[in-house]
Amino acid sequence: MYARIEAECEQAGLPFNRPARVPNTRRALSTAEWVRRNQPEAFDSLDRSLFHAHFLENRPLDDPAVLEELVAAAGVDAAAARDAVDSGAMEASLRESMDAALDANVTGTPAWLLDGRLLIPGAQPRDLFEIWVQRLRERTP
């Protein structure tokens, strides 16, 4: 999987470093969900920084200190996000999000649901995305 991602990133001129380990990302997902729901204007920044931290800097996304740093850098109250996650307040929201993914037949990441009609699982070559998007455009009334 990482070989394909590396090749796609190289072709697109994007940096990529294989992660040394796969962290338990439940805390990162809960934190991101809190930001998405409570400070949506900061979500894109946090999302990008989580990707950068994991796939470029090899930082552990299961480390609360790393998450707090990234949340604060996105302009969000890191203590409020941490408190919400630590209290378990985000568990229902995270479960809801995961249930929605399962309802769409998502079984892993990455996965893309295009136009609510086409689920693309896994790291796929760029040319396949172009074909699928073109087909969706042709079938859109």
Protein backbone atom coordinates (compact mmCIF):
# COMPACT_ATOMS: atom_id res chain seq x y z
CA MET A 1 0.00 0.00 0.00
CA TYR A 2 2.73 2.49 0.94
CA ALA A 3 4.60 1.81 -2.31
CA ARG A 4 1.51 2.89 -4.26
CA ILE A 5 1.06 5.99 -2.11
CA GLU A 6 4.74 6.88 -2.52
CA ALA A 7 4.47 6.54 -6.29
CA GLU A 8 1.32 8.67 -6.44
CA CYS A 9 2.88 11.36 -4.25
CA GLU A 10 6.04 11.38 -6.34
CA GLN A 11 4.01 11.72 -9.54
CA ALA A 12 2.04 14.61 -8.02
CA GLY A 13 5.16 16.27 -6.61
CA LEU A 14 4.02 15.76 -3.01
CA PRO A 15 6.34 14.77 -0.17
CA PHE A 16 5.70 11.46 1.61
CA ASN A 17 7.54 9.43 4.24
CA ARG A 18 6.43 5.96 5.26
CA PRO A 19 5.27 5.95 8.85
CA ALA A 20 7.52 3.93 11.15
CA ARG A 21 4.45 2.54 12.94
CA VAL A 22 0.68 2.60 12.71
CA PRO A 23 -0.65 4.39 15.78
CA ASN A 24 -3.99 3.87 17.46
CA THR A 25 -5.74 6.92 16.02
CA ARG A 26 -8.92 6.82 18.12
CA ARG A 27 -7.81 9.85 20.17
CA ALA A 28 -6.82 11.75 17.03
CA LEU A 29 -10.16 10.93 15.40
CA SER A 30 -12.07 12.03 18.51
CA THR A 31 -10.06 15.24 18.68
CA ALA A 32 -10.62 15.98 14.99
CA GLU A 33 -14.34 15.28 15.36
CA TRP A 34 -14.53 17.71 18.30
CA VAL A 35 -12.84 20.40 16.20
CA ARG A 36 -15.08 19.64 13.19
CA ARG A 37 -18.21 20.04 15.30
CA ASN A 38 -17.13 22.93 17.53
CA GLN A 39 -14.73 25.00 15.44
CA PRO A 40 -15.36 23.94 11.84
CA GLU A 41 -13.38 26.85 10.44
CA ALA A 42 -10.22 25.28 11.95
CA PHE A 43 -10.92 21.71 10.83
CA ASP A 44 -9.16 21.90 7.45
CA SER A 45 -6.01 23.25 9.08
CA LEU A 46 -6.04 20.50 11.70
CA ASP A 47 -6.78 17.82 9.10
CA ARG A 48 -3.80 18.90 7.02
CA SER A 49 -1.51 19.09 10.03
CA LEU A 50 -2.51 15.58 11.17
CA PHE A 51 -1.63 14.26 7.70
CA HIS A 52 1.65 16.18 7.69
CA ALA A 53 2.58 15.03 11.20
CA HIS A 54 1.94 11.36 10.38
CA PHE A 55 3.04 11.01 6.76
CA LEU A 56 5.89 13.52 6.64
CA GLU A 57 7.24 13.94 10.16
CA ASN A 58 6.52 10.45 11.50
CA ARG A 59 5.01 11.90 14.69
CA PRO A 60 2.86 9.68 16.91
CA LEU A 61 -0.80 10.64 16.51
CA ASP A 62 -1.62 8.64 19.63
CA ASP A 63 0.44 11.01 21.78
CA PRO A 64 -1.82 13.55 23.53
CA ALA A 65 0.98 16.14 23.59
CA VAL A 66 1.38 15.93 19.80
CA LEU A 67 -2.38 16.32 19.33
CA GLU A 68 -2.53 19.30 21.67
CA GLU A 69 0.27 21.00 19.77
CA LEU A 70 -1.47 20.45 16.42
CA VAL A 71 -4.85 21.57 17.76
CA ALA A 72 -3.34 24.76 19.21
CA ALA A 73 -1.49 25.45 15.94
CA ALA A 74 -4.87 25.24 14.16
CA GLY A 75 -6.09 28.07 16.39
CA VAL A 76 -8.25 25.92 18.63
CA ASP A 77 -8.43 25.79 22.42
CA ALA A 78 -6.39 22.61 22.93
CA ALA A 79 -7.44 22.27 26.57
CA ALA A 80 -11.13 22.30 25.64
CA ALA A 81 -10.58 19.66 22.96
CA ARG A 82 -8.50 17.52 25.31
CA ASP A 83 -11.10 17.81 28.10
CA ALA A 84 -13.90 16.75 25.74
CA VAL A 85 -11.93 13.72 24.56
CA ASP A 86 -10.74 12.77 28.06
CA SER A 87 -14.25 13.02 29.49
CA GLY A 88 -15.61 10.59 26.90
CA ALA A 89 -17.92 13.28 25.52
CA MET A 90 -16.78 12.52 21.96
CA GLU A 91 -17.40 8.76 22.10
CA ALA A 92 -21.00 8.98 20.86
CA SER A 93 -20.02 11.38 18.07
CA LEU A 94 -17.15 9.17 17.00
CA ARG A 95 -19.39 6.09 17.06
CA GLU A 96 -21.98 7.99 15.00
CA SER A 97 -19.34 8.89 12.42
CA MET A 98 -18.04 5.32 12.31
CA ASP A 99 -21.58 3.95 11.94
CA ALA A 100 -22.19 6.28 9.00
CA ALA A 101 -19.01 4.99 7.37
CA LEU A 102 -20.08 1.38 7.93
CA ASP A 103 -23.52 2.17 6.49
CA ALA A 104 -21.71 3.35 3.35
CA ASN A 105 -19.74 0.04 3.35
CA VAL A 106 -16.46 1.67 4.33
CA THR A 107 -14.30 -0.99 5.97
CA GLY A 108 -10.98 0.84 6.18
CA THR A 109 -9.02 3.89 5.24
CA PRO A 110 -8.51 5.54 2.96
CA ALA A 111 -11.97 5.47 1.40
CA TRP A 112 -13.86 7.98 -0.70
CA LEU A 113 -17.59 8.19 -1.27
CA LEU A 114 -18.14 10.11 -4.49
CA ASP A 115 -21.47 11.79 -5.08
CA GLY A 116 -23.03 9.51 -2.47
CA ARG A 117 -23.02 6.75 -5.10
CA LEU A 118 -19.55 5.35 -5.59
CA LEU A 119 -17.32 4.03 -2.81
CA ILE A 120 -13.64 3.83 -3.66
CA PRO A 121 -11.75 1.78 -1.08
CA GLY A 122 -8.02 1.86 -0.49
CA ALA A 123 -5.17 3.67 -2.14
CA GLN A 124 -6.01 3.51 -5.83
CA PRO A 125 -4.02 4.82 -8.81
CA ARG A 126 -4.85 8.36 -9.86
CA ASP A 127 -5.97 7.33 -13.35
CA LEU A 128 -8.74 5.17 -11.85
CA PHE A 129 -10.09 8.18 -9.96
CA GLU A 130 -10.16 10.14 -13.19
CA ILE A 131 -12.09 7.34 -14.92
CA TRP A 132 -14.61 7.01 -12.07
CA VAL A 133 -15.20 10.75 -11.81
CA GLN A 134 -15.71 10.97 -15.57
CA ARG A 135 -18.23 8.11 -15.44
CA LEU A 136 -20.14 9.80 -12.63
CA ARG A 137 -20.24 13.03 -14.62
CA GLU A 138 -21.61 11.16 -17.66
CA ARG A 139 -24.36 9.56 -15.55
CA THR A 140 -25.41 12.70 -13.69
CA PRO A 141 -28.78 13.95 -14.97
